[in-house]
Amino acid sequence: MPIYNAELSRGSLLPLESKRIATLLLTGPDDKAWAHAIEIENILQKNTVFTANRQANLIRKRLMTLDATGWNLIFKTDSEVTNQLLFAAAIKQSKLLGDFMFSVYANRQRKLEMSISPSNWEDFLTDCAHLDPTVANWNDSTKLKIYRCIKRILVEAKYIVDRDSMSISPRALHPVVKKYLLDRDEAYVIDCLERVK
């Protein structure tokens, strides 16, 4: 079974949409209620049912890596907590993103090289292909979409200054987010989000 997948290319943190999906998940919707909320009520306010379903399913996969407490925090708290929890959920759902943070982002910090370059991304993908040969089959367009999405995520979570310079802006986890992750023994996720050594 593949270690990595390209699903990350489908969307960044999507905080507004994620708040709406978190609220929906808290109601415990069955398939009919879910479809009604996404397709009829159009809670994500998308132009087509296809787009709404695609984005809703991506967000649901991410949020299902959390629990009702996490959903409540995403729905009710400020943007820093929301974005960091969404980042944590994205890492839990995408090992590619987690490993990028764990190796590329953290390694650049350790070396005091405070920006990420396209060559770092290419080297990372080469390493991933050694672990998972399916990565070598991704076309250039897919690789670029994933890289762009990672950059958007890092900007949204304030881990880089902007997408052009890719200047690293190291973050400490918000105490609420750190407690949530510690209480659930999420050592890998914490390392991905806070590792600086």
N, C-alpha and C. Protein backbone atom coordinates (compact mmCIF):
# COMPACT_ATOMS: atom_id res chain seq x y z
N MET A 1 0.85 -1.19 0.00
CA MET A 1 0.00 0.00 0.00
C MET A 1 0.89 1.25 0.00
N PRO A 2 0.56 2.25 -0.83
CA PRO A 2 1.39 3.46 -0.90
C PRO A 2 1.48 4.17 0.44
N ILE A 3 2.65 4.74 0.71
CA ILE A 3 2.84 5.54 1.92
C ILE A 3 2.28 6.94 1.71
N TYR A 4 2.46 7.46 0.49
CA TYR A 4 2.08 8.83 0.17
C TYR A 4 0.97 8.86 -0.87
N ASN A 5 0.18 9.95 -0.84
CA ASN A 5 -0.79 10.17 -1.92
C ASN A 5 -0.79 11.65 -2.27
N ALA A 6 -1.41 11.97 -3.39
CA ALA A 6 -1.40 13.35 -3.91
C ALA A 6 -2.63 14.13 -3.50
N GLU A 7 -3.41 13.60 -2.58
CA GLU A 7 -4.67 14.25 -2.21
C GLU A 7 -4.47 15.64 -1.62
N LEU A 8 -3.30 15.88 -1.08
CA LEU A 8 -3.00 17.19 -0.51
C LEU A 8 -3.21 18.31 -1.51
N SER A 9 -3.08 18.03 -2.78
CA SER A 9 -3.21 19.05 -3.82
C SER A 9 -4.63 19.60 -3.92
N ARG A 10 -5.58 18.97 -3.26
CA ARG A 10 -6.98 19.38 -3.40
C ARG A 10 -7.36 20.58 -2.55
N GLY A 11 -6.51 20.98 -1.63
CA GLY A 11 -6.89 22.15 -0.84
C GLY A 11 -5.95 22.43 0.30
N SER A 12 -5.84 23.70 0.66
CA SER A 12 -4.99 24.09 1.78
C SER A 12 -5.78 23.93 3.08
N LEU A 13 -5.58 24.80 4.06
CA LEU A 13 -6.25 24.59 5.35
C LEU A 13 -7.75 24.87 5.31
N LEU A 14 -8.18 25.78 4.44
CA LEU A 14 -9.61 26.05 4.24
C LEU A 14 -10.33 26.31 5.58
N PRO A 15 -9.89 27.31 6.35
CA PRO A 15 -10.44 27.50 7.70
C PRO A 15 -11.93 27.80 7.75
N LEU A 16 -12.43 28.66 6.87
CA LEU A 16 -13.85 28.99 6.90
C LEU A 16 -14.69 27.76 6.59
N GLU A 17 -14.32 27.06 5.52
CA GLU A 17 -15.06 25.86 5.14
C GLU A 17 -14.93 24.77 6.21
N SER A 18 -13.76 24.68 6.83
CA SER A 18 -13.54 23.66 7.86
C SER A 18 -14.39 23.94 9.10
N LYS A 19 -14.57 25.20 9.43
CA LYS A 19 -15.45 25.53 10.56
C LYS A 19 -16.88 25.04 10.28
N ARG A 20 -17.31 25.22 9.04
CA ARG A 20 -18.67 24.80 8.69
C ARG A 20 -18.81 23.28 8.71
N ILE A 21 -17.78 22.59 8.22
CA ILE A 21 -17.82 21.12 8.25
C ILE A 21 -17.72 20.61 9.68
N ALA A 22 -16.90 21.26 10.50
CA ALA A 22 -16.79 20.87 11.91
C ALA A 22 -18.14 20.99 12.61
N THR A 23 -18.84 22.09 12.34
CA THR A 23 -20.16 22.29 12.92
C THR A 23 -21.12 21.19 12.47
N LEU A 24 -21.04 20.83 11.20
CA LEU A 24 -21.89 19.76 10.67
C LEU A 24 -21.56 18.43 11.32
N LEU A 25 -20.28 18.12 11.45
CA LEU A 25 -19.87 16.85 12.07
C LEU A 25 -20.34 16.74 13.51
N LEU A 26 -20.40 17.85 14.20
CA LEU A 26 -20.85 17.83 15.61
C LEU A 26 -22.31 17.41 15.74
N THR A 27 -23.07 17.48 14.64
CA THR A 27 -24.47 17.04 14.68
C THR A 27 -24.60 15.54 14.41
N GLY A 28 -23.47 14.90 14.09
CA GLY A 28 -23.51 13.47 13.78
C GLY A 28 -24.37 13.13 12.59
N PRO A 29 -24.14 13.78 11.45
CA PRO A 29 -25.03 13.58 10.30
C PRO A 29 -24.91 12.19 9.68
N ASP A 30 -26.05 11.63 9.27
CA ASP A 30 -25.98 10.41 8.47
C ASP A 30 -25.73 10.81 7.02
N ASP A 31 -25.64 9.83 6.13
CA ASP A 31 -25.32 10.14 4.72
C ASP A 31 -26.32 11.10 4.09
N LYS A 32 -27.58 10.93 4.44
CA LYS A 32 -28.63 11.78 3.85
C LYS A 32 -28.48 13.22 4.34
N ALA A 33 -28.26 13.38 5.63
CA ALA A 33 -28.11 14.73 6.20
C ALA A 33 -26.85 15.40 5.67
N TRP A 34 -25.79 14.62 5.53
CA TRP A 34 -24.54 15.14 4.98
C TRP A 34 -24.76 15.66 3.56
N ALA A 35 -25.35 14.83 2.72
CA ALA A 35 -25.59 15.22 1.32
C ALA A 35 -26.49 16.45 1.23
N HIS A 36 -27.50 16.51 2.09
CA HIS A 36 -28.41 17.66 2.07
C HIS A 36 -27.66 18.95 2.42
N ALA A 37 -26.81 18.87 3.45
CA ALA A 37 -26.07 20.06 3.88
C ALA A 37 -25.09 20.52 2.80
N ILE A 38 -24.43 19.58 2.15
CA ILE A 38 -23.40 19.94 1.17
C ILE A 38 -24.02 20.29 -0.18
N GLU A 39 -25.00 19.52 -0.63
CA GLU A 39 -25.51 19.67 -1.99
C GLU A 39 -26.73 20.59 -2.09
N ILE A 40 -27.60 20.57 -1.10
CA ILE A 40 -28.84 21.37 -1.16
C ILE A 40 -28.66 22.70 -0.43
N GLU A 41 -28.25 22.63 0.85
CA GLU A 41 -28.02 23.87 1.59
C GLU A 41 -26.77 24.60 1.10
N ASN A 42 -25.85 23.84 0.52
CA ASN A 42 -24.61 24.40 -0.02
C ASN A 42 -23.86 25.20 1.05
N ILE A 43 -23.61 24.55 2.20
CA ILE A 43 -23.00 25.26 3.34
C ILE A 43 -21.59 25.76 3.02
N LEU A 44 -20.95 25.18 2.02
CA LEU A 44 -19.62 25.66 1.65
C LEU A 44 -19.67 26.76 0.60
N GLN A 45 -20.88 27.04 0.09
CA GLN A 45 -21.10 28.12 -0.88
C GLN A 45 -20.21 27.98 -2.12
N LYS A 46 -20.27 26.80 -2.71
CA LYS A 46 -19.50 26.53 -3.93
C LYS A 46 -20.41 26.63 -5.15
N ASN A 47 -19.79 26.85 -6.30
CA ASN A 47 -20.57 27.07 -7.53
C ASN A 47 -21.16 25.79 -8.10
N THR A 48 -20.53 24.65 -7.83
CA THR A 48 -21.06 23.39 -8.35
C THR A 48 -21.12 22.34 -7.24
N VAL A 49 -22.00 21.39 -7.42
CA VAL A 49 -22.12 20.29 -6.46
C VAL A 49 -20.83 19.48 -6.44
N PHE A 50 -20.23 19.30 -7.61
CA PHE A 50 -18.98 18.55 -7.69
C PHE A 50 -17.90 19.19 -6.81
N THR A 51 -17.73 20.50 -6.95
CA THR A 51 -16.72 21.21 -6.16
C THR A 51 -17.04 21.13 -4.68
N ALA A 52 -18.30 21.31 -4.34
CA ALA A 52 -18.72 21.25 -2.94
C ALA A 52 -18.42 19.88 -2.34
N ASN A 53 -18.77 18.83 -3.06
CA ASN A 53 -18.53 17.47 -2.56
C ASN A 53 -17.04 17.17 -2.45
N ARG A 54 -16.29 17.59 -3.44
CA ARG A 54 -14.86 17.31 -3.43
C ARG A 54 -14.19 17.98 -2.23
N GLN A 55 -14.53 19.25 -2.01
CA GLN A 55 -13.90 19.96 -0.91
C GLN A 55 -14.42 19.45 0.44
N ALA A 56 -15.69 19.19 0.52
CA ALA A 56 -16.27 18.68 1.78
C ALA A 56 -15.65 17.34 2.16
N ASN A 57 -15.44 16.48 1.18
CA ASN A 57 -14.87 15.16 1.48
C ASN A 57 -13.41 15.27 1.93
N LEU A 58 -12.66 16.19 1.32
CA LEU A 58 -11.28 16.40 1.77
C LEU A 58 -11.26 16.89 3.21
N ILE A 59 -12.08 17.89 3.50
CA ILE A 59 -12.12 18.44 4.86
C ILE A 59 -12.58 17.39 5.85
N ARG A 60 -13.60 16.62 5.47
CA ARG A 60 -14.08 15.58 6.40
C ARG A 60 -12.99 14.56 6.70
N LYS A 61 -12.23 14.15 5.69
CA LYS A 61 -11.13 13.20 5.93
C LYS A 61 -10.14 13.76 6.93
N ARG A 62 -9.83 15.04 6.78
CA ARG A 62 -8.90 15.67 7.72
C ARG A 62 -9.50 15.74 9.12
N LEU A 63 -10.72 16.24 9.21
CA LEU A 63 -11.32 16.43 10.53
C LEU A 63 -11.60 15.12 11.24
N MET A 64 -11.80 14.05 10.49
CA MET A 64 -12.04 12.75 11.13
C MET A 64 -10.79 12.21 11.81
N THR A 65 -9.63 12.84 11.58
CA THR A 65 -8.43 12.45 12.31
C THR A 65 -8.42 13.07 13.70
N LEU A 66 -9.35 13.99 13.95
CA LEU A 66 -9.51 14.62 15.26
C LEU A 66 -10.72 13.99 15.93
N ASP A 67 -11.26 14.66 16.94
CA ASP A 67 -12.46 14.17 17.62
C ASP A 67 -13.38 15.36 17.88
N ALA A 68 -14.47 15.10 18.58
CA ALA A 68 -15.46 16.16 18.80
C ALA A 68 -14.88 17.35 19.55
N THR A 69 -13.94 17.11 20.46
CA THR A 69 -13.29 18.21 21.17
C THR A 69 -12.52 19.08 20.18
N GLY A 70 -11.80 18.45 19.27
CA GLY A 70 -11.08 19.19 18.23
C GLY A 70 -12.02 19.97 17.34
N TRP A 71 -13.13 19.35 16.96
CA TRP A 71 -14.10 20.05 16.10
C TRP A 71 -14.64 21.28 16.80
N ASN A 72 -14.95 21.14 18.10
CA ASN A 72 -15.43 22.28 18.88
C ASN A 72 -14.41 23.40 18.93
N LEU A 73 -13.14 23.03 19.11
CA LEU A 73 -12.10 24.04 19.16
C LEU A 73 -11.97 24.76 17.81
N ILE A 74 -12.06 24.00 16.74
CA ILE A 74 -11.98 24.60 15.40
C ILE A 74 -13.13 25.57 15.17
N PHE A 75 -14.31 25.18 15.62
CA PHE A 75 -15.51 25.99 15.40
C PHE A 75 -15.53 27.24 16.28
N LYS A 76 -15.08 27.10 17.53
CA LYS A 76 -15.33 28.15 18.52
C LYS A 76 -14.14 29.07 18.81
N THR A 77 -12.93 28.67 18.48
CA THR A 77 -11.78 29.44 18.95
C THR A 77 -11.24 30.39 17.89
N ASP A 78 -10.18 31.12 18.28
CA ASP A 78 -9.62 32.13 17.38
C ASP A 78 -8.86 31.48 16.23
N SER A 79 -8.43 32.32 15.31
CA SER A 79 -7.84 31.80 14.07
C SER A 79 -6.54 31.05 14.32
N GLU A 80 -5.74 31.45 15.32
CA GLU A 80 -4.48 30.75 15.55
C GLU A 80 -4.73 29.30 15.97
N VAL A 81 -5.64 29.10 16.91
CA VAL A 81 -5.97 27.74 17.35
C VAL A 81 -6.59 26.96 16.20
N THR A 82 -7.53 27.57 15.51
CA THR A 82 -8.19 26.91 14.38
C THR A 82 -7.17 26.46 13.34
N ASN A 83 -6.31 27.38 12.91
CA ASN A 83 -5.36 27.05 11.85
C ASN A 83 -4.34 26.02 12.29
N GLN A 84 -3.89 26.09 13.54
CA GLN A 84 -2.93 25.09 14.00
C GLN A 84 -3.57 23.71 14.12
N LEU A 85 -4.82 23.66 14.56
CA LEU A 85 -5.50 22.36 14.61
C LEU A 85 -5.75 21.82 13.21
N LEU A 86 -6.10 22.69 12.28
CA LEU A 86 -6.30 22.25 10.90
C LEU A 86 -4.98 21.78 10.29
N PHE A 87 -3.89 22.43 10.64
CA PHE A 87 -2.56 22.01 10.19
C PHE A 87 -2.26 20.62 10.76
N ALA A 88 -2.54 20.44 12.04
CA ALA A 88 -2.32 19.13 12.68
C ALA A 88 -3.15 18.05 11.98
N ALA A 89 -4.41 18.36 11.69
CA ALA A 89 -5.29 17.39 11.02
C ALA A 89 -4.78 17.07 9.61
N ALA A 90 -4.28 18.09 8.91
CA ALA A 90 -3.74 17.87 7.56
C ALA A 90 -2.51 16.97 7.62
N ILE A 91 -1.68 17.15 8.64
CA ILE A 91 -0.50 16.29 8.81
C ILE A 91 -0.93 14.85 9.12
N LYS A 92 -1.92 14.70 9.97
CA LYS A 92 -2.40 13.36 10.32
C LYS A 92 -3.00 12.66 9.09
N GLN A 93 -3.60 13.44 8.21
CA GLN A 93 -4.24 12.87 7.02
C GLN A 93 -3.26 12.69 5.87
N SER A 94 -2.16 13.45 5.87
CA SER A 94 -1.19 13.38 4.78
C SER A 94 0.21 13.19 5.33
N LYS A 95 0.72 11.98 5.25
CA LYS A 95 2.09 11.72 5.71
C LYS A 95 3.10 12.52 4.89
N LEU A 96 2.77 12.81 3.64
CA LEU A 96 3.66 13.61 2.81
C LEU A 96 3.90 14.98 3.45
N LEU A 97 2.83 15.62 3.92
CA LEU A 97 2.95 16.93 4.56
C LEU A 97 3.74 16.81 5.86
N GLY A 98 3.43 15.79 6.65
CA GLY A 98 4.14 15.60 7.91
C GLY A 98 5.62 15.38 7.69
N ASP A 99 5.95 14.52 6.75
CA ASP A 99 7.36 14.24 6.49
C ASP A 99 8.08 15.46 5.91
N PHE A 100 7.37 16.27 5.14
CA PHE A 100 7.97 17.51 4.64
C PHE A 100 8.34 18.42 5.81
N MET A 101 7.42 18.55 6.76
CA MET A 101 7.71 19.38 7.94
C MET A 101 8.83 18.78 8.77
N PHE A 102 8.79 17.48 8.93
CA PHE A 102 9.74 16.79 9.80
C PHE A 102 11.15 16.82 9.24
N SER A 103 11.25 16.74 7.92
CA SER A 103 12.60 16.71 7.33
C SER A 103 12.99 18.05 6.73
N VAL A 104 12.28 18.51 5.72
CA VAL A 104 12.69 19.73 5.02
C VAL A 104 12.63 20.96 5.92
N TYR A 105 11.45 21.24 6.48
CA TYR A 105 11.29 22.46 7.27
C TYR A 105 12.23 22.46 8.47
N ALA A 106 12.21 21.38 9.24
CA ALA A 106 13.05 21.31 10.45
C ALA A 106 14.53 21.31 10.11
N ASN A 107 14.92 20.63 9.04
CA ASN A 107 16.32 20.60 8.65
C ASN A 107 16.83 21.97 8.24
N ARG A 108 16.00 22.72 7.53
CA ARG A 108 16.40 24.08 7.15
C ARG A 108 16.62 24.94 8.41
N GLN A 109 15.74 24.78 9.38
CA GLN A 109 15.91 25.52 10.63
C GLN A 109 17.21 25.13 11.33
N ARG A 110 17.43 23.83 11.43
CA ARG A 110 18.63 23.35 12.13
C ARG A 110 19.91 23.90 11.51
N LYS A 111 19.90 24.00 10.19
CA LYS A 111 21.09 24.50 9.48
C LYS A 111 21.14 26.02 9.42
N LEU A 112 20.16 26.66 10.06
CA LEU A 112 20.05 28.12 10.05
C LEU A 112 19.94 28.67 8.63
N GLU A 113 19.35 27.87 7.76
CA GLU A 113 19.06 28.30 6.39
C GLU A 113 17.56 28.61 6.36
N MET A 114 17.24 29.88 6.51
CA MET A 114 15.88 30.26 6.86
C MET A 114 14.95 30.48 5.68
N SER A 115 15.11 29.69 4.64
CA SER A 115 14.14 29.68 3.56
C SER A 115 14.15 28.30 2.90
N ILE A 116 13.07 28.02 2.20
CA ILE A 116 12.91 26.73 1.51
C ILE A 116 12.92 27.01 0.01
N SER A 117 13.67 26.21 -0.72
CA SER A 117 13.80 26.42 -2.15
C SER A 117 13.13 25.29 -2.93
N PRO A 118 12.83 25.52 -4.20
CA PRO A 118 12.27 24.45 -5.03
C PRO A 118 13.18 23.21 -5.07
N SER A 119 14.49 23.41 -4.98
CA SER A 119 15.40 22.25 -5.00
C SER A 119 15.23 21.40 -3.74
N ASN A 120 14.89 22.05 -2.61
CA ASN A 120 14.61 21.28 -1.40
C ASN A 120 13.40 20.38 -1.62
N TRP A 121 12.40 20.91 -2.30
CA TRP A 121 11.20 20.13 -2.61
C TRP A 121 11.53 18.96 -3.53
N GLU A 122 12.33 19.21 -4.55
CA GLU A 122 12.71 18.14 -5.49
C GLU A 122 13.51 17.05 -4.77
N ASP A 123 14.43 17.46 -3.91
CA ASP A 123 15.23 16.47 -3.15
C ASP A 123 14.33 15.65 -2.23
N PHE A 124 13.37 16.33 -1.63
CA PHE A 124 12.41 15.65 -0.74
C PHE A 124 11.61 14.60 -1.51
N LEU A 125 11.12 14.96 -2.70
CA LEU A 125 10.35 14.02 -3.51
C LEU A 125 11.20 12.83 -3.92
N THR A 126 12.46 13.07 -4.21
CA THR A 126 13.37 11.97 -4.56
C THR A 126 13.49 11.00 -3.38
N ASP A 127 13.64 11.54 -2.18
CA ASP A 127 13.70 10.70 -0.98
C ASP A 127 12.40 9.93 -0.78
N CYS A 128 11.28 10.61 -1.01
CA CYS A 128 9.97 9.95 -0.86
C CYS A 128 9.81 8.80 -1.84
N ALA A 129 10.31 8.99 -3.06
CA ALA A 129 10.21 7.95 -4.08
C ALA A 129 11.00 6.70 -3.70
N HIS A 130 12.05 6.86 -2.91
CA HIS A 130 12.79 5.69 -2.42
C HIS A 130 11.95 4.89 -1.43
N LEU A 131 11.12 5.61 -0.65
CA LEU A 131 10.26 4.94 0.33
C LEU A 131 8.97 4.42 -0.31
N ASP A 132 8.50 5.15 -1.31
CA ASP A 132 7.23 4.81 -1.96
C ASP A 132 7.37 5.03 -3.46
N PRO A 133 7.60 3.97 -4.24
CA PRO A 133 7.84 4.10 -5.68
C PRO A 133 6.71 4.78 -6.45
N THR A 134 5.50 4.81 -5.90
CA THR A 134 4.41 5.47 -6.62
C THR A 134 4.66 6.96 -6.81
N VAL A 135 5.45 7.56 -5.91
CA VAL A 135 5.75 8.99 -6.02
C VAL A 135 6.47 9.29 -7.34
N ALA A 136 7.30 8.38 -7.78
CA ALA A 136 8.05 8.57 -9.04
C ALA A 136 7.11 8.65 -10.24
N ASN A 137 5.89 8.14 -10.10
CA ASN A 137 4.93 8.16 -11.20
C ASN A 137 4.09 9.44 -11.25
N TRP A 138 4.20 10.28 -10.24
CA TRP A 138 3.45 11.54 -10.28
C TRP A 138 4.00 12.42 -11.39
N ASN A 139 3.10 13.05 -12.14
CA ASN A 139 3.57 13.94 -13.20
C ASN A 139 3.97 15.30 -12.63
N ASP A 140 4.61 16.10 -13.44
CA ASP A 140 5.12 17.39 -12.98
C ASP A 140 4.00 18.30 -12.50
N SER A 141 2.85 18.24 -13.15
CA SER A 141 1.72 19.08 -12.77
C SER A 141 1.24 18.73 -11.36
N THR A 142 1.15 17.44 -11.07
CA THR A 142 0.73 17.00 -9.73
C THR A 142 1.73 17.45 -8.67
N LYS A 143 3.00 17.27 -8.95
CA LYS A 143 4.04 17.68 -8.00
C LYS A 143 3.96 19.18 -7.73
N LEU A 144 3.74 19.96 -8.79
CA LEU A 144 3.66 21.41 -8.62
C LEU A 144 2.44 21.81 -7.80
N LYS A 145 1.30 21.15 -8.06
CA LYS A 145 0.09 21.46 -7.30
C LYS A 145 0.28 21.15 -5.82
N ILE A 146 0.92 20.04 -5.52
CA ILE A 146 1.16 19.68 -4.13
C ILE A 146 2.08 20.71 -3.46
N TYR A 147 3.14 21.09 -4.16
CA TYR A 147 4.09 22.06 -3.61
C TYR A 147 3.40 23.40 -3.36
N ARG A 148 2.58 23.83 -4.30
CA ARG A 148 1.84 25.08 -4.12
C ARG A 148 0.90 25.00 -2.92
N CYS A 149 0.27 23.87 -2.76
CA CYS A 149 -0.65 23.69 -1.63
C CYS A 149 0.11 23.70 -0.30
N ILE A 150 1.26 23.05 -0.27
CA ILE A 150 2.08 23.08 0.94
C ILE A 150 2.47 24.51 1.28
N LYS A 151 2.84 25.28 0.27
CA LYS A 151 3.21 26.67 0.51
C LYS A 151 2.03 27.46 1.07
N ARG A 152 0.83 27.24 0.51
CA ARG A 152 -0.36 27.94 1.03
C ARG A 152 -0.62 27.56 2.48
N ILE A 153 -0.49 26.27 2.79
CA ILE A 153 -0.71 25.82 4.16
C ILE A 153 0.28 26.49 5.11
N LEU A 154 1.54 26.54 4.72
CA LEU A 154 2.57 27.13 5.58
C LEU A 154 2.33 28.62 5.79
N VAL A 155 1.83 29.31 4.77
CA VAL A 155 1.49 30.73 4.93
C VAL A 155 0.30 30.88 5.86
N GLU A 156 -0.75 30.08 5.64
CA GLU A 156 -1.96 30.18 6.47
C GLU A 156 -1.66 29.90 7.94
N ALA A 157 -0.76 28.96 8.19
CA ALA A 157 -0.41 28.61 9.57
C ALA A 157 0.71 29.49 10.11
N LYS A 158 1.19 30.42 9.26
CA LYS A 158 2.24 31.38 9.63
C LYS A 158 3.59 30.71 9.89
N TYR A 159 3.86 29.60 9.21
CA TYR A 159 5.15 28.93 9.32
C TYR A 159 6.15 29.43 8.28
N ILE A 160 5.66 30.14 7.26
CA ILE A 160 6.54 30.89 6.36
C ILE A 160 5.93 32.27 6.19
N VAL A 161 6.79 33.22 5.79
CA VAL A 161 6.34 34.61 5.68
C VAL A 161 5.44 34.81 4.46
N ASP A 162 5.88 34.29 3.32
CA ASP A 162 5.07 34.38 2.10
C ASP A 162 5.49 33.28 1.13
N ARG A 163 4.64 33.06 0.13
CA ARG A 163 4.88 31.96 -0.81
C ARG A 163 6.02 32.23 -1.77
N ASP A 164 6.36 33.50 -1.98
CA ASP A 164 7.41 33.83 -2.94
C ASP A 164 8.80 33.60 -2.35
N SER A 165 9.04 34.17 -1.18
CA SER A 165 10.37 34.03 -0.58
C SER A 165 10.55 32.70 0.15
N MET A 166 9.46 32.11 0.61
CA MET A 166 9.49 30.87 1.41
C MET A 166 10.40 31.03 2.63
N SER A 167 10.41 32.25 3.19
CA SER A 167 11.21 32.50 4.40
C SER A 167 10.54 31.86 5.61
N ILE A 168 11.31 31.07 6.34
CA ILE A 168 10.78 30.33 7.49
C ILE A 168 10.49 31.28 8.64
N SER A 169 9.35 31.07 9.29
CA SER A 169 8.95 31.84 10.46
C SER A 169 8.54 30.86 11.55
N PRO A 170 9.53 30.34 12.30
CA PRO A 170 9.24 29.27 13.27
C PRO A 170 8.14 29.65 14.26
N ARG A 171 7.31 28.68 14.57
CA ARG A 171 6.16 28.91 15.44
C ARG A 171 6.25 28.03 16.67
N ALA A 172 5.65 28.52 17.74
CA ALA A 172 5.38 27.67 18.90
C ALA A 172 3.90 27.33 18.86
N LEU A 173 3.56 26.13 19.24
CA LEU A 173 2.16 25.76 19.26
C LEU A 173 1.41 26.55 20.33
N HIS A 174 0.20 26.95 20.02
CA HIS A 174 -0.67 27.58 21.00
C HIS A 174 -0.88 26.59 22.15
N PRO A 175 -0.87 27.05 23.40
CA PRO A 175 -1.03 26.13 24.53
C PRO A 175 -2.26 25.22 24.43
N VAL A 176 -3.35 25.75 23.89
CA VAL A 176 -4.57 24.93 23.76
C VAL A 176 -4.33 23.79 22.77
N VAL A 177 -3.66 24.10 21.66
CA VAL A 177 -3.38 23.09 20.64
C VAL A 177 -2.39 22.07 21.18
N LYS A 178 -1.36 22.55 21.87
CA LYS A 178 -0.35 21.63 22.40
C LYS A 178 -0.97 20.67 23.41
N LYS A 179 -1.82 21.19 24.30
CA LYS A 179 -2.48 20.33 25.28
C LYS A 179 -3.37 19.30 24.59
N TYR A 180 -4.10 19.74 23.59
CA TYR A 180 -4.97 18.82 22.85
C TYR A 180 -4.14 17.67 22.27
N LEU A 181 -3.02 18.00 21.65
CA LEU A 181 -2.18 16.98 21.01
C LEU A 181 -1.47 16.11 22.04
N LEU A 182 -0.97 16.71 23.11
CA LEU A 182 -0.30 15.94 24.16
C LEU A 182 -1.27 14.95 24.82
N ASP A 183 -2.49 15.40 25.07
CA ASP A 183 -3.49 14.54 25.70
C ASP A 183 -3.82 13.32 24.85
N ARG A 184 -3.53 13.40 23.56
CA ARG A 184 -3.84 12.31 22.64
C ARG A 184 -2.57 11.62 22.12
N ASP A 185 -1.46 11.86 22.80
CA ASP A 185 -0.18 11.21 22.47
C ASP A 185 0.22 11.40 21.01
N GLU A 186 0.02 12.60 20.51
CA GLU A 186 0.34 12.90 19.10
C GLU A 186 1.77 13.42 18.98
N ALA A 187 2.73 12.59 19.38
CA ALA A 187 4.14 13.02 19.39
C ALA A 187 4.64 13.36 17.99
N TYR A 188 4.28 12.56 16.99
CA TYR A 188 4.74 12.82 15.62
C TYR A 188 4.25 14.17 15.13
N VAL A 189 2.97 14.47 15.37
CA VAL A 189 2.40 15.74 14.91
C VAL A 189 3.07 16.90 15.62
N ILE A 190 3.28 16.77 16.92
CA ILE A 190 3.96 17.83 17.68
C ILE A 190 5.36 18.05 17.14
N ASP A 191 6.07 16.97 16.86
CA ASP A 191 7.42 17.09 16.29
C ASP A 191 7.39 17.81 14.95
N CYS A 192 6.40 17.51 14.14
CA CYS A 192 6.29 18.15 12.83
C CYS A 192 6.04 19.66 12.96
N LEU A 193 5.29 20.05 13.99
CA LEU A 193 4.88 21.43 14.12
C LEU A 193 5.81 22.26 15.00
N GLU A 194 6.62 21.61 15.81
CA GLU A 194 7.44 22.37 16.76
C GLU A 194 8.92 21.99 16.74
N ARG A 195 9.29 21.03 15.96
CA ARG A 195 10.67 20.53 16.01
C ARG A 195 11.64 21.60 15.49
N VAL A 196 12.61 21.97 16.31
CA VAL A 196 13.57 22.99 15.92
C VAL A 196 15.00 22.53 16.11
N LYS A 197 15.21 21.30 16.58
CA LYS A 197 16.58 20.84 16.84
C LYS A 197 16.91 19.65 15.96
